[in-house]
PDB file of N, CA and C in Angstrom:
ATOM      1  N   MET A   1      28.553 -11.494 -13.299  1.00  0.00           N
ATOM      2  CA  MET A   1      28.604 -10.046 -13.223  1.00  0.00           C
ATOM      3  C   MET A   1      28.101  -9.604 -11.854  1.00  0.00           C
ATOM      4  N   LEU A   2      28.860  -8.843 -11.147  1.00  0.00           N
ATOM      5  CA  LEU A   2      28.559  -8.440  -9.781  1.00  0.00           C
ATOM      6  C   LEU A   2      27.628  -7.233  -9.711  1.00  0.00           C
ATOM      7  N   ARG A   3      27.612  -6.420 -10.712  1.00  0.00           N
ATOM      8  CA  ARG A   3      26.872  -5.154 -10.677  1.00  0.00           C
ATOM      9  C   ARG A   3      25.380  -5.311 -10.351  1.00  0.00           C
ATOM     10  N   PRO A   4      24.619  -6.235 -10.980  1.00  0.00           N
ATOM     11  CA  PRO A   4      23.200  -6.347 -10.638  1.00  0.00           C
ATOM     12  C   PRO A   4      22.970  -6.727  -9.177  1.00  0.00           C
ATOM     13  N   LYS A   5      23.838  -7.562  -8.622  1.00  0.00           N
ATOM     14  CA  LYS A   5      23.678  -7.941  -7.224  1.00  0.00           C
ATOM     15  C   LYS A   5      23.905  -6.743  -6.313  1.00  0.00           C
ATOM     16  N   ILE A   6      24.876  -5.913  -6.644  1.00  0.00           N
ATOM     17  CA  ILE A   6      25.143  -4.718  -5.849  1.00  0.00           C
ATOM     18  C   ILE A   6      23.960  -3.767  -5.934  1.00  0.00           C
ATOM     19  N   LYS A   7      23.358  -3.658  -7.107  1.00  0.00           N
ATOM     20  CA  LYS A   7      22.208  -2.768  -7.273  1.00  0.00           C
ATOM     21  C   LYS A   7      21.048  -3.178  -6.370  1.00  0.00           C
ATOM     22  N   LEU A   8      20.943  -4.450  -6.031  1.00  0.00           N
ATOM     23  CA  LEU A   8      19.872  -4.904  -5.150  1.00  0.00           C
ATOM     24  C   LEU A   8      20.259  -4.801  -3.680  1.00  0.00           C
ATOM     25  N   PHE A   9      21.460  -5.203  -3.356  1.00  0.00           N
ATOM     26  CA  PHE A   9      21.880  -5.322  -1.965  1.00  0.00           C
ATOM     27  C   PHE A   9      22.269  -3.988  -1.343  1.00  0.00           C
ATOM     28  N   LEU A  10      23.067  -3.210  -2.037  1.00  0.00           N
ATOM     29  CA  LEU A  10      23.595  -1.973  -1.475  1.00  0.00           C
ATOM     30  C   LEU A  10      22.506  -0.973  -1.092  1.00  0.00           C
ATOM     31  N   PRO A  11      21.480  -0.752  -1.901  1.00  0.00           N
ATOM     32  CA  PRO A  11      20.439   0.187  -1.476  1.00  0.00           C
ATOM     33  C   PRO A  11      19.729  -0.260  -0.199  1.00  0.00           C
ATOM     34  N   ALA A  12      19.498  -1.550  -0.060  1.00  0.00           N
ATOM     35  CA  ALA A  12      18.837  -2.045   1.149  1.00  0.00           C
ATOM     36  C   ALA A  12      19.689  -1.789   2.384  1.00  0.00           C
ATOM     37  N   VAL A  13      20.978  -2.039   2.275  1.00  0.00           N
ATOM     38  CA  VAL A  13      21.888  -1.788   3.393  1.00  0.00           C
ATOM     39  C   VAL A  13      21.923  -0.300   3.722  1.00  0.00           C
ATOM     40  N   LEU A  14      21.980   0.529   2.700  1.00  0.00           N
ATOM     41  CA  LEU A  14      22.036   1.970   2.928  1.00  0.00           C
ATOM     42  C   LEU A  14      20.761   2.497   3.579  1.00  0.00           C
ATOM     43  N   VAL A  15      19.622   1.952   3.203  1.00  0.00           N
ATOM     44  CA  VAL A  15      18.370   2.377   3.830  1.00  0.00           C
ATOM     45  C   VAL A  15      18.376   2.011   5.307  1.00  0.00           C
ATOM     46  N   LEU A  16      18.816   0.808   5.618  1.00  0.00           N
ATOM     47  CA  LEU A  16      18.865   0.397   7.018  1.00  0.00           C
ATOM     48  C   LEU A  16      19.817   1.276   7.821  1.00  0.00           C
ATOM     49  N   CYS A  17      20.985   1.538   7.281  1.00  0.00           N
ATOM     50  CA  CYS A  17      21.965   2.394   7.973  1.00  0.00           C
ATOM     51  C   CYS A  17      21.449   3.821   8.096  1.00  0.00           C
ATOM     52  N   GLY A  18      20.880   4.320   7.016  1.00  0.00           N
ATOM     53  CA  GLY A  18      20.343   5.680   7.047  1.00  0.00           C
ATOM     54  C   GLY A  18      19.193   5.821   8.024  1.00  0.00           C
ATOM     55  N   SER A  19      18.324   4.817   8.067  1.00  0.00           N
ATOM     56  CA  SER A  19      17.206   4.847   9.005  1.00  0.00           C
ATOM     57  C   SER A  19      17.701   4.830  10.440  1.00  0.00           C
ATOM     58  N   ALA A  20      18.695   4.009  10.706  1.00  0.00           N
ATOM     59  CA  ALA A  20      19.264   3.960  12.057  1.00  0.00           C
ATOM     60  C   ALA A  20      19.881   5.301  12.428  1.00  0.00           C
ATOM     61  N   ALA A  21      20.559   5.921  11.484  1.00  0.00           N
ATOM     62  CA  ALA A  21      21.178   7.221  11.756  1.00  0.00           C
ATOM     63  C   ALA A  21      20.121   8.282  12.015  1.00  0.00           C
ATOM     64  N   VAL A  22      19.029   8.242  11.257  1.00  0.00           N
ATOM     65  CA  VAL A  22      17.964   9.223  11.445  1.00  0.00           C
ATOM     66  C   VAL A  22      17.304   9.030  12.800  1.00  0.00           C
ATOM     67  N   LEU A  23      17.054   7.794  13.189  1.00  0.00           N
ATOM     68  CA  LEU A  23      16.428   7.539  14.479  1.00  0.00           C
ATOM     69  C   LEU A  23      17.330   7.958  15.632  1.00  0.00           C
ATOM     70  N   ASN A  24      18.625   7.855  15.465  1.00  0.00           N
ATOM     71  CA  ASN A  24      19.588   8.247  16.491  1.00  0.00           C
ATOM     72  C   ASN A  24      19.832   9.741  16.527  1.00  0.00           C
ATOM     73  N   CYS A  25      19.546  10.395  15.428  1.00  0.00           N
ATOM     74  CA  CYS A  25      19.912  11.793  15.239  1.00  0.00           C
ATOM     75  C   CYS A  25      19.041  12.705  16.099  1.00  0.00           C
ATOM     76  N   GLN A  26      19.648  13.750  16.632  1.00  0.00           N
ATOM     77  CA  GLN A  26      18.918  14.805  17.323  1.00  0.00           C
ATOM     78  C   GLN A  26      19.173  16.101  16.569  1.00  0.00           C
ATOM     79  N   THR A  27      18.160  16.924  16.465  1.00  0.00           N
ATOM     80  CA  THR A  27      18.357  18.174  15.728  1.00  0.00           C
ATOM     81  C   THR A  27      19.227  19.126  16.525  1.00  0.00           C
ATOM     82  N   SER A  28      19.870  20.038  15.843  1.00  0.00           N
ATOM     83  CA  SER A  28      20.782  20.972  16.495  1.00  0.00           C
ATOM     84  C   SER A  28      20.055  21.866  17.495  1.00  0.00           C
ATOM     85  N   GLU A  29      18.814  22.208  17.201  1.00  0.00           N
ATOM     86  CA  GLU A  29      18.070  23.063  18.120  1.00  0.00           C
ATOM     87  C   GLU A  29      17.794  22.348  19.434  1.00  0.00           C
ATOM     88  N   LYS A  30      17.453  21.082  19.366  1.00  0.00           N
ATOM     89  CA  LYS A  30      17.116  20.334  20.572  1.00  0.00           C
ATOM     90  C   LYS A  30      18.344  20.071  21.431  1.00  0.00           C
ATOM     91  N   THR A  31      19.501  19.945  20.838  1.00  0.00           N
ATOM     92  CA  THR A  31      20.718  19.684  21.599  1.00  0.00           C
ATOM     93  C   THR A  31      21.428  20.961  21.993  1.00  0.00           C
ATOM     94  N   GLY A  32      20.986  22.099  21.470  1.00  0.00           N
ATOM     95  CA  GLY A  32      21.624  23.363  21.787  1.00  0.00           C
ATOM     96  C   GLY A  32      22.897  23.618  20.988  1.00  0.00           C
ATOM     97  N   LEU A  33      23.211  22.783  20.017  1.00  0.00           N
ATOM     98  CA  LEU A  33      24.404  22.962  19.197  1.00  0.00           C
ATOM     99  C   LEU A  33      24.055  23.777  17.960  1.00  0.00           C
ATOM    100  N   SER A  34      25.059  24.379  17.370  1.00  0.00           N
ATOM    101  CA  SER A  34      24.831  25.115  16.130  1.00  0.00           C
ATOM    102  C   SER A  34      24.638  24.132  14.977  1.00  0.00           C
ATOM    103  N   ASP A  35      24.143  24.642  13.873  1.00  0.00           N
ATOM    104  CA  ASP A  35      23.899  23.819  12.683  1.00  0.00           C
ATOM    105  C   ASP A  35      25.215  23.679  11.923  1.00  0.00           C
ATOM    106  N   ARG A  36      26.028  22.712  12.315  1.00  0.00           N
ATOM    107  CA  ARG A  36      27.356  22.540  11.727  1.00  0.00           C
ATOM    108  C   ARG A  36      27.267  21.823  10.384  1.00  0.00           C
ATOM    109  N   TRP A  37      28.195  22.159   9.489  1.00  0.00           N
ATOM    110  CA  TRP A  37      28.244  21.528   8.169  1.00  0.00           C
ATOM    111  C   TRP A  37      28.518  20.037   8.268  1.00  0.00           C
ATOM    112  N   LEU A  38      29.283  19.613   9.237  1.00  0.00           N
ATOM    113  CA  LEU A  38      29.643  18.200   9.360  1.00  0.00           C
ATOM    114  C   LEU A  38      28.995  17.549  10.576  1.00  0.00           C
ATOM    115  N   GLY A  39      27.817  18.019  10.951  1.00  0.00           N
ATOM    116  CA  GLY A  39      27.094  17.431  12.074  1.00  0.00           C
ATOM    117  C   GLY A  39      26.542  16.052  11.723  1.00  0.00           C
ATOM    118  N   ARG A  40      26.167  15.307  12.756  1.00  0.00           N
ATOM    119  CA  ARG A  40      25.664  13.950  12.559  1.00  0.00           C
ATOM    120  C   ARG A  40      24.405  13.933  11.687  1.00  0.00           C
ATOM    121  N   ASP A  41      23.575  14.946  11.834  1.00  0.00           N
ATOM    122  CA  ASP A  41      22.351  14.961  11.033  1.00  0.00           C
ATOM    123  C   ASP A  41      22.633  15.135   9.542  1.00  0.00           C
ATOM    124  N   LYS A  42      23.769  15.744   9.199  1.00  0.00           N
ATOM    125  CA  LYS A  42      24.118  15.883   7.775  1.00  0.00           C
ATOM    126  C   LYS A  42      24.422  14.517   7.169  1.00  0.00           C
ATOM    127  N   LEU A  43      25.078  13.657   7.936  1.00  0.00           N
ATOM    128  CA  LEU A  43      25.344  12.295   7.473  1.00  0.00           C
ATOM    129  C   LEU A  43      24.035  11.542   7.266  1.00  0.00           C
ATOM    130  N   SER A  44      23.081  11.756   8.153  1.00  0.00           N
ATOM    131  CA  SER A  44      21.772  11.118   8.009  1.00  0.00           C
ATOM    132  C   SER A  44      21.069  11.593   6.743  1.00  0.00           C
ATOM    133  N   HIS A  45      21.088  12.896   6.513  1.00  0.00           N
ATOM    134  CA  HIS A  45      20.468  13.435   5.301  1.00  0.00           C
ATOM    135  C   HIS A  45      21.144  12.869   4.056  1.00  0.00           C
ATOM    136  N   PHE A  46      22.467  12.831   4.056  1.00  0.00           N
ATOM    137  CA  PHE A  46      23.232  12.295   2.933  1.00  0.00           C
ATOM    138  C   PHE A  46      22.861  10.832   2.686  1.00  0.00           C
ATOM    139  N   ALA A  47      22.880  10.014   3.735  1.00  0.00           N
ATOM    140  CA  ALA A  47      22.632   8.574   3.599  1.00  0.00           C
ATOM    141  C   ALA A  47      21.208   8.279   3.137  1.00  0.00           C
ATOM    142  N   VAL A  48      20.241   8.970   3.698  1.00  0.00           N
ATOM    143  CA  VAL A  48      18.847   8.722   3.312  1.00  0.00           C
ATOM    144  C   VAL A  48      18.607   9.145   1.865  1.00  0.00           C
ATOM    145  N   SER A  49      19.163  10.274   1.448  1.00  0.00           N
ATOM    146  CA  SER A  49      18.999  10.720   0.061  1.00  0.00           C
ATOM    147  C   SER A  49      19.669   9.761  -0.915  1.00  0.00           C
ATOM    148  N   LEU A  50      20.865   9.311  -0.571  1.00  0.00           N
ATOM    149  CA  LEU A  50      21.579   8.353  -1.412  1.00  0.00           C
ATOM    150  C   LEU A  50      20.768   7.064  -1.554  1.00  0.00           C
ATOM    151  N   ALA A  51      20.285   6.545  -0.426  1.00  0.00           N
ATOM    152  CA  ALA A  51      19.508   5.307  -0.446  1.00  0.00           C
ATOM    153  C   ALA A  51      18.184   5.483  -1.187  1.00  0.00           C
ATOM    154  N   ALA A  52      17.545   6.641  -1.026  1.00  0.00           N
ATOM    155  CA  ALA A  52      16.273   6.884  -1.711  1.00  0.00           C
ATOM    156  C   ALA A  52      16.457   6.874  -3.221  1.00  0.00           C
ATOM    157  N   VAL A  53      17.539   7.469  -3.702  1.00  0.00           N
ATOM    158  CA  VAL A  53      17.815   7.434  -5.143  1.00  0.00           C
ATOM    159  C   VAL A  53      18.035   5.995  -5.592  1.00  0.00           C
ATOM    160  N   GLY A  54      18.833   5.241  -4.844  1.00  0.00           N
ATOM    161  CA  GLY A  54      19.120   3.856  -5.223  1.00  0.00           C
ATOM    162  C   GLY A  54      17.883   2.983  -5.255  1.00  0.00           C
ATOM    163  N   LEU A  55      17.085   3.050  -4.205  1.00  0.00           N
ATOM    164  CA  LEU A  55      15.885   2.212  -4.144  1.00  0.00           C
ATOM    165  C   LEU A  55      14.835   2.629  -5.165  1.00  0.00           C
ATOM    166  N   ALA A  56      14.583   3.933  -5.261  1.00  0.00           N
ATOM    167  CA  ALA A  56      13.580   4.399  -6.220  1.00  0.00           C
ATOM    168  C   ALA A  56      14.008   4.091  -7.649  1.00  0.00           C
ATOM    169  N   ASN A  57      15.276   4.302  -7.953  1.00  0.00           N
ATOM    170  CA  ASN A  57      15.765   4.006  -9.300  1.00  0.00           C
ATOM    171  C   ASN A  57      15.626   2.517  -9.610  1.00  0.00           C
ATOM    172  N   HIS A  58      16.017   1.679  -8.666  1.00  0.00           N
ATOM    173  CA  HIS A  58      15.911   0.232  -8.894  1.00  0.00           C
ATOM    174  C   HIS A  58      14.455  -0.171  -9.099  1.00  0.00           C
ATOM    175  N   TRP A  59      13.582   0.294  -8.233  1.00  0.00           N
ATOM    176  CA  TRP A  59      12.189  -0.091  -8.342  1.00  0.00           C
ATOM    177  C   TRP A  59      11.592   0.382  -9.661  1.00  0.00           C
ATOM    178  N   LEU A  60      11.854   1.621 -10.025  1.00  0.00           N
ATOM    179  CA  LEU A  60      11.288   2.154 -11.263  1.00  0.00           C
ATOM    180  C   LEU A  60      11.827   1.453 -12.500  1.00  0.00           C
ATOM    181  N   GLU A  61      13.120   1.162 -12.483  1.00  0.00           N
ATOM    182  CA  GLU A  61      13.741   0.543 -13.657  1.00  0.00           C
ATOM    183  C   GLU A  61      13.430  -0.949 -13.750  1.00  0.00           C
ATOM    184  N   ALA A  62      13.574  -1.659 -12.641  1.00  0.00           N
ATOM    185  CA  ALA A  62      13.437  -3.118 -12.663  1.00  0.00           C
ATOM    186  C   ALA A  62      11.993  -3.585 -12.517  1.00  0.00           C
ATOM    187  N   GLU A  63      11.271  -2.990 -11.608  1.00  0.00           N
ATOM    188  CA  GLU A  63       9.921  -3.467 -11.314  1.00  0.00           C
ATOM    189  C   GLU A  63       8.850  -2.800 -12.173  1.00  0.00           C
ATOM    190  N   SER A  64       9.047  -1.540 -12.522  1.00  0.00           N
ATOM    191  CA  SER A  64       8.044  -0.813 -13.300  1.00  0.00           C
ATOM    192  C   SER A  64       8.407  -0.684 -14.766  1.00  0.00           C
ATOM    193  N   ALA A  65       9.578  -1.177 -15.134  1.00  0.00           N
ATOM    194  CA  ALA A  65      10.048  -1.163 -16.524  1.00  0.00           C
ATOM    195  C   ALA A  65      10.119   0.243 -17.114  1.00  0.00           C
ATOM    196  N   GLU A  66      10.458   1.222 -16.275  1.00  0.00           N
ATOM    197  CA  GLU A  66      10.658   2.587 -16.770  1.00  0.00           C
ATOM    198  C   GLU A  66      11.980   2.644 -17.526  1.00  0.00           C
ATOM    199  N   PRO A  67      12.088   3.481 -18.543  1.00  0.00           N
ATOM    200  CA  PRO A  67      13.383   3.674 -19.209  1.00  0.00           C
ATOM    201  C   PRO A  67      14.406   4.213 -18.200  1.00  0.00           C
ATOM    202  N   PRO A  68      15.681   3.852 -18.344  1.00  0.00           N
ATOM    203  CA  PRO A  68      16.699   4.245 -17.356  1.00  0.00           C
ATOM    204  C   PRO A  68      16.776   5.743 -17.063  1.00  0.00           C
ATOM    205  N   VAL A  69      16.682   6.570 -18.080  1.00  0.00           N
ATOM    206  CA  VAL A  69      16.788   8.020 -17.855  1.00  0.00           C
ATOM    207  C   VAL A  69      15.598   8.527 -17.047  1.00  0.00           C
ATOM    208  N   ARG A  70      14.417   8.053 -17.381  1.00  0.00           N
ATOM    209  CA  ARG A  70      13.223   8.479 -16.644  1.00  0.00           C
ATOM    210  C   ARG A  70      13.252   7.951 -15.211  1.00  0.00           C
ATOM    211  N   ALA A  71      13.706   6.720 -15.026  1.00  0.00           N
ATOM    212  CA  ALA A  71      13.815   6.157 -13.677  1.00  0.00           C
ATOM    213  C   ALA A  71      14.775   6.981 -12.832  1.00  0.00           C
ATOM    214  N   ARG A  72      15.925   7.337 -13.409  1.00  0.00           N
ATOM    215  CA  ARG A  72      16.918   8.137 -12.685  1.00  0.00           C
ATOM    216  C   ARG A  72      16.347   9.492 -12.294  1.00  0.00           C
ATOM    217  N   ASN A  73      15.753  10.180 -13.246  1.00  0.00           N
ATOM    218  CA  ASN A  73      15.218  11.516 -12.977  1.00  0.00           C
ATOM    219  C   ASN A  73      14.122  11.485 -11.919  1.00  0.00           C
ATOM    220  N   THR A  74      13.236  10.512 -12.017  1.00  0.00           N
ATOM    221  CA  THR A  74      12.159  10.381 -11.040  1.00  0.00           C
ATOM    222  C   THR A  74      12.716  10.057  -9.662  1.00  0.00           C
ATOM    223  N   ALA A  75      13.718   9.196  -9.603  1.00  0.00           N
ATOM    224  CA  ALA A  75      14.337   8.832  -8.327  1.00  0.00           C
ATOM    225  C   ALA A  75      14.975  10.047  -7.664  1.00  0.00           C
ATOM    226  N   VAL A  76      15.629  10.884  -8.442  1.00  0.00           N
ATOM    227  CA  VAL A  76      16.264  12.086  -7.889  1.00  0.00           C
ATOM    228  C   VAL A  76      15.205  13.060  -7.373  1.00  0.00           C
ATOM    229  N   VAL A  77      14.152  13.268  -8.139  1.00  0.00           N
ATOM    230  CA  VAL A  77      13.076  14.161  -7.701  1.00  0.00           C
ATOM    231  C   VAL A  77      12.439  13.626  -6.422  1.00  0.00           C
ATOM    232  N   PHE A  78      12.209  12.318  -6.359  1.00  0.00           N
ATOM    233  CA  PHE A  78      11.645  11.695  -5.166  1.00  0.00           C
ATOM    234  C   PHE A  78      12.544  11.936  -3.956  1.00  0.00           C
ATOM    235  N   SER A  79      13.826  11.677  -4.121  1.00  0.00           N
ATOM    236  CA  SER A  79      14.783  11.835  -3.024  1.00  0.00           C
ATOM    237  C   SER A  79      14.837  13.277  -2.525  1.00  0.00           C
ATOM    238  N   LEU A  80      14.952  14.217  -3.437  1.00  0.00           N
ATOM    239  CA  LEU A  80      15.035  15.621  -3.035  1.00  0.00           C
ATOM    240  C   LEU A  80      13.717  16.113  -2.440  1.00  0.00           C
ATOM    241  N   SER A  81      12.604  15.569  -2.903  1.00  0.00           N
ATOM    242  CA  SER A  81      11.309  15.931  -2.327  1.00  0.00           C
ATOM    243  C   SER A  81      11.226  15.515  -0.864  1.00  0.00           C
ATOM    244  N   LEU A  82      11.773  14.342  -0.550  1.00  0.00           N
ATOM    245  CA  LEU A  82      11.800  13.903   0.846  1.00  0.00           C
ATOM    246  C   LEU A  82      12.569  14.897   1.710  1.00  0.00           C
ATOM    247  N   GLY A  83      13.711  15.348   1.214  1.00  0.00           N
ATOM    248  CA  GLY A  83      14.525  16.304   1.962  1.00  0.00           C
ATOM    249  C   GLY A  83      13.829  17.639   2.153  1.00  0.00           C
ATOM    250  N   ILE A  84      13.168  18.118   1.112  1.00  0.00           N
ATOM    251  CA  ILE A  84      12.465  19.398   1.207  1.00  0.00           C
ATOM    252  C   ILE A  84      11.304  19.305   2.186  1.00  0.00           C
ATOM    253  N   VAL A  85      10.537  18.221   2.110  1.00  0.00           N
ATOM    254  CA  VAL A  85       9.416  18.035   3.035  1.00  0.00           C
ATOM    255  C   VAL A  85       9.922  17.971   4.476  1.00  0.00           C
ATOM    256  N   LYS A  86      11.026  17.271   4.691  1.00  0.00           N
ATOM    257  CA  LYS A  86      11.608  17.178   6.038  1.00  0.00           C
ATOM    258  C   LYS A  86      11.997  18.559   6.553  1.00  0.00           C
ATOM    259  N   GLU A  87      12.613  19.371   5.719  1.00  0.00           N
ATOM    260  CA  GLU A  87      13.022  20.706   6.156  1.00  0.00           C
ATOM    261  C   GLU A  87      11.823  21.626   6.376  1.00  0.00           C
ATOM    262  N   LEU A  88      10.795  21.505   5.553  1.00  0.00           N
ATOM    263  CA  LEU A  88       9.578  22.289   5.780  1.00  0.00           C
ATOM    264  C   LEU A  88       8.935  21.904   7.106  1.00  0.00           C
ATOM    265  N   GLN A  89       8.952  20.609   7.403  1.00  0.00           N
ATOM    266  CA  GLN A  89       8.424  20.126   8.679  1.00  0.00           C
ATOM    267  C   GLN A  89       9.262  20.679   9.841  1.00  0.00           C
ATOM    268  N   ASP A  90      10.579  20.650   9.704  1.00  0.00           N
ATOM    269  CA  ASP A  90      11.453  21.208  10.741  1.00  0.00           C
ATOM    270  C   ASP A  90      11.179  22.693  10.946  1.00  0.00           C
ATOM    271  N   GLY A  91      10.988  23.422   9.852  1.00  0.00           N
ATOM    272  CA  GLY A  91      10.723  24.852   9.949  1.00  0.00           C
ATOM    273  C   GLY A  91       9.402  25.167  10.628  1.00  0.00           C
ATOM    274  N   ALA A  92       8.446  24.262  10.544  1.00  0.00           N
ATOM    275  CA  ALA A  92       7.138  24.471  11.149  1.00  0.00           C
ATOM    276  C   ALA A  92       7.107  24.083  12.629  1.00  0.00           C
ATOM    277  N   GLN A  93       8.103  23.330  13.089  1.00  0.00           N
ATOM    278  CA  GLN A  93       8.136  22.887  14.482  1.00  0.00           C
ATOM    279  C   GLN A  93       8.661  23.988  15.395  1.00  0.00           C
ATOM    280  N   LYS A  94       8.041  24.107  16.542  1.00  0.00           N
ATOM    281  CA  LYS A  94       8.517  25.057  17.539  1.00  0.00           C
ATOM    282  C   LYS A  94       9.872  24.576  18.062  1.00  0.00           C
ATOM    283  N   GLY A  95      10.836  25.477  18.152  1.00  0.00           N
ATOM    284  CA  GLY A  95      12.159  25.123  18.649  1.00  0.00           C
ATOM    285  C   GLY A  95      13.041  24.453  17.614  1.00  0.00           C
ATOM    286  N   ASN A  96      12.652  24.507  16.360  1.00  0.00           N
ATOM    287  CA  ASN A  96      13.438  23.910  15.280  1.00  0.00           C
ATOM    288  C   ASN A  96      13.474  24.911  14.131  1.00  0.00           C
ATOM    289  N   ARG A  97      14.263  24.626  13.102  1.00  0.00           N
ATOM    290  CA  ARG A  97      14.337  25.565  11.979  1.00  0.00           C
ATOM    291  C   ARG A  97      14.665  24.839  10.676  1.00  0.00           C
ATOM    292  N   PHE A  98      14.312  25.497   9.590  1.00  0.00           N
ATOM    293  CA  PHE A  98      14.647  25.041   8.246  1.00  0.00           C
ATOM    294  C   PHE A  98      16.153  25.197   8.073  1.00  0.00           C
ATOM    295  N   SER A  99      16.829  24.161   7.532  1.00  0.00           N
ATOM    296  CA  SER A  99      18.285  24.218   7.390  1.00  0.00           C
ATOM    297  C   SER A  99      18.695  24.025   5.934  1.00  0.00           C
ATOM    298  N   PHE A 100      19.310  25.058   5.373  1.00  0.00           N
ATOM    299  CA  PHE A 100      19.838  24.936   4.019  1.00  0.00           C
ATOM    300  C   PHE A 100      21.038  23.995   3.991  1.00  0.00           C
ATOM    301  N   LYS A 101      21.720  23.849   5.113  1.00  0.00           N
ATOM    302  CA  LYS A 101      22.842  22.914   5.189  1.00  0.00           C
ATOM    303  C   LYS A 101      22.341  21.470   5.089  1.00  0.00           C
ATOM    304  N   ASP A 102      21.199  21.188   5.693  1.00  0.00           N
ATOM    305  CA  ASP A 102      20.599  19.858   5.555  1.00  0.00           C
ATOM    306  C   ASP A 102      20.210  19.601   4.099  1.00  0.00           C
ATOM    307  N   LEU A 103      19.662  20.624   3.445  1.00  0.00           N
ATOM    308  CA  LEU A 103      19.311  20.471   2.027  1.00  0.00           C
ATOM    309  C   LEU A 103      20.550  20.227   1.173  1.00  0.00           C
ATOM    310  N   ALA A 104      21.652  20.879   1.515  1.00  0.00           N
ATOM    311  CA  ALA A 104      22.903  20.649   0.780  1.00  0.00           C
ATOM    312  C   ALA A 104      23.348  19.197   0.939  1.00  0.00           C
ATOM    313  N   ALA A 105      23.206  18.651   2.147  1.00  0.00           N
ATOM    314  CA  ALA A 105      23.555  17.242   2.374  1.00  0.00           C
ATOM    315  C   ALA A 105      22.624  16.328   1.576  1.00  0.00           C
ATOM    316  N   ASP A 106      21.347  16.697   1.474  1.00  0.00           N
ATOM    317  CA  ASP A 106      20.398  15.924   0.659  1.00  0.00           C
ATOM    318  C   ASP A 106      20.820  15.922  -0.808  1.00  0.00           C
ATOM    319  N   ILE A 107      21.216  17.076  -1.308  1.00  0.00           N
ATOM    320  CA  ILE A 107      21.635  17.189  -2.713  1.00  0.00           C
ATOM    321  C   ILE A 107      22.892  16.372  -2.971  1.00  0.00           C
ATOM    322  N   LEU A 108      23.852  16.449  -2.056  1.00  0.00           N
ATOM    323  CA  LEU A 108      25.078  15.648  -2.209  1.00  0.00           C
ATOM    324  C   LEU A 108      24.777  14.151  -2.157  1.00  0.00           C
ATOM    325  N   GLY A 109      23.867  13.746  -1.279  1.00  0.00           N
ATOM    326  CA  GLY A 109      23.480  12.338  -1.201  1.00  0.00           C
ATOM    327  C   GLY A 109      22.797  11.868  -2.472  1.00  0.00           C
ATOM    328  N   ALA A 110      21.921  12.706  -3.023  1.00  0.00           N
ATOM    329  CA  ALA A 110      21.257  12.352  -4.279  1.00  0.00           C
ATOM    330  C   ALA A 110      22.270  12.256  -5.416  1.00  0.00           C
ATOM    331  N   ALA A 111      23.229  13.173  -5.439  1.00  0.00           N
ATOM    332  CA  ALA A 111      24.271  13.126  -6.476  1.00  0.00           C
ATOM    333  C   ALA A 111      25.113  11.859  -6.346  1.00  0.00           C
ATOM    334  N   ALA A 112      25.453  11.494  -5.118  1.00  0.00           N
ATOM    335  CA  ALA A 112      26.207  10.254  -4.904  1.00  0.00           C
ATOM    336  C   ALA A 112      25.375   9.048  -5.321  1.00  0.00           C
ATOM    337  N   GLY A 113      24.072   9.099  -5.075  1.00  0.00           N
ATOM    338  CA  GLY A 113      23.182   8.019  -5.498  1.00  0.00           C
ATOM    339  C   GLY A 113      23.145   7.869  -7.008  1.00  0.00           C
ATOM    340  N   ILE A 114      23.166   8.989  -7.713  1.00  0.00           N
ATOM    341  CA  ILE A 114      23.210   8.942  -9.178  1.00  0.00           C
ATOM    342  C   ILE A 114      24.479   8.235  -9.631  1.00  0.00           C
ATOM    343  N   VAL A 115      25.601   8.629  -9.046  1.00  0.00           N
ATOM    344  CA  VAL A 115      26.886   8.033  -9.437  1.00  0.00           C
ATOM    345  C   VAL A 115      26.920   6.543  -9.106  1.00  0.00           C
ATOM    346  N   LEU A 116      26.486   6.176  -7.908  1.00  0.00           N
ATOM    347  CA  LEU A 116      26.578   4.773  -7.481  1.00  0.00           C
ATOM    348  C   LEU A 116      25.568   3.853  -8.164  1.00  0.00           C
ATOM    349  N   PHE A 117      24.354   4.337  -8.372  1.00  0.00           N
ATOM    350  CA  PHE A 117      23.284   3.434  -8.776  1.00  0.00           C
ATOM    351  C   PHE A 117      22.768   3.597 -10.198  1.00  0.00           C
ATOM    352  N   THR A 118      23.097   4.689 -10.869  1.00  0.00           N
ATOM    353  CA  THR A 118      22.500   4.874 -12.197  1.00  0.00           C
ATOM    354  C   THR A 118      23.501   4.961 -13.328  1.00  0.00           C
ATOM    355  N   ILE A 119      24.766   5.191 -13.028  1.00  0.00           N
ATOM    356  CA  ILE A 119      25.761   5.266 -14.092  1.00  0.00           C
ATOM    357  C   ILE A 119      26.376   3.891 -14.275  1.00  0.00           C
ATOM    358  N   ASN A 120      26.198   3.325 -15.455  1.00  0.00           N
ATOM    359  CA  ASN A 120      26.706   1.967 -15.715  1.00  0.00           C
ATOM    360  C   ASN A 120      28.126   2.000 -16.196  1.00  0.00           C
TER     361      ASN A 120
END
């Protein structure tokens, strides 16, 4: 059965890719560009949220023996909390701003994480 192997490998790959995208990413304020819906930072938000759901769900379900529904719900809350904290931090920085578009990308990434990693 391939599914358990994917549950372990895919989240790790996504975290690495998402981390690389975040490190490469520049905020729209710093580059002088507008906050576009399909900007590079939106892909970073999407990827990190997706990976956070996958990793948190796997850890909670496999390592902590949480029931699947509770693991999924906790993973989603964890992922979205990361996005909210990031946007609050952006809003507090001089020359930067809170972006609802970034939060939308976080929500879409978390939703994709639910589909990929928690629905059997």
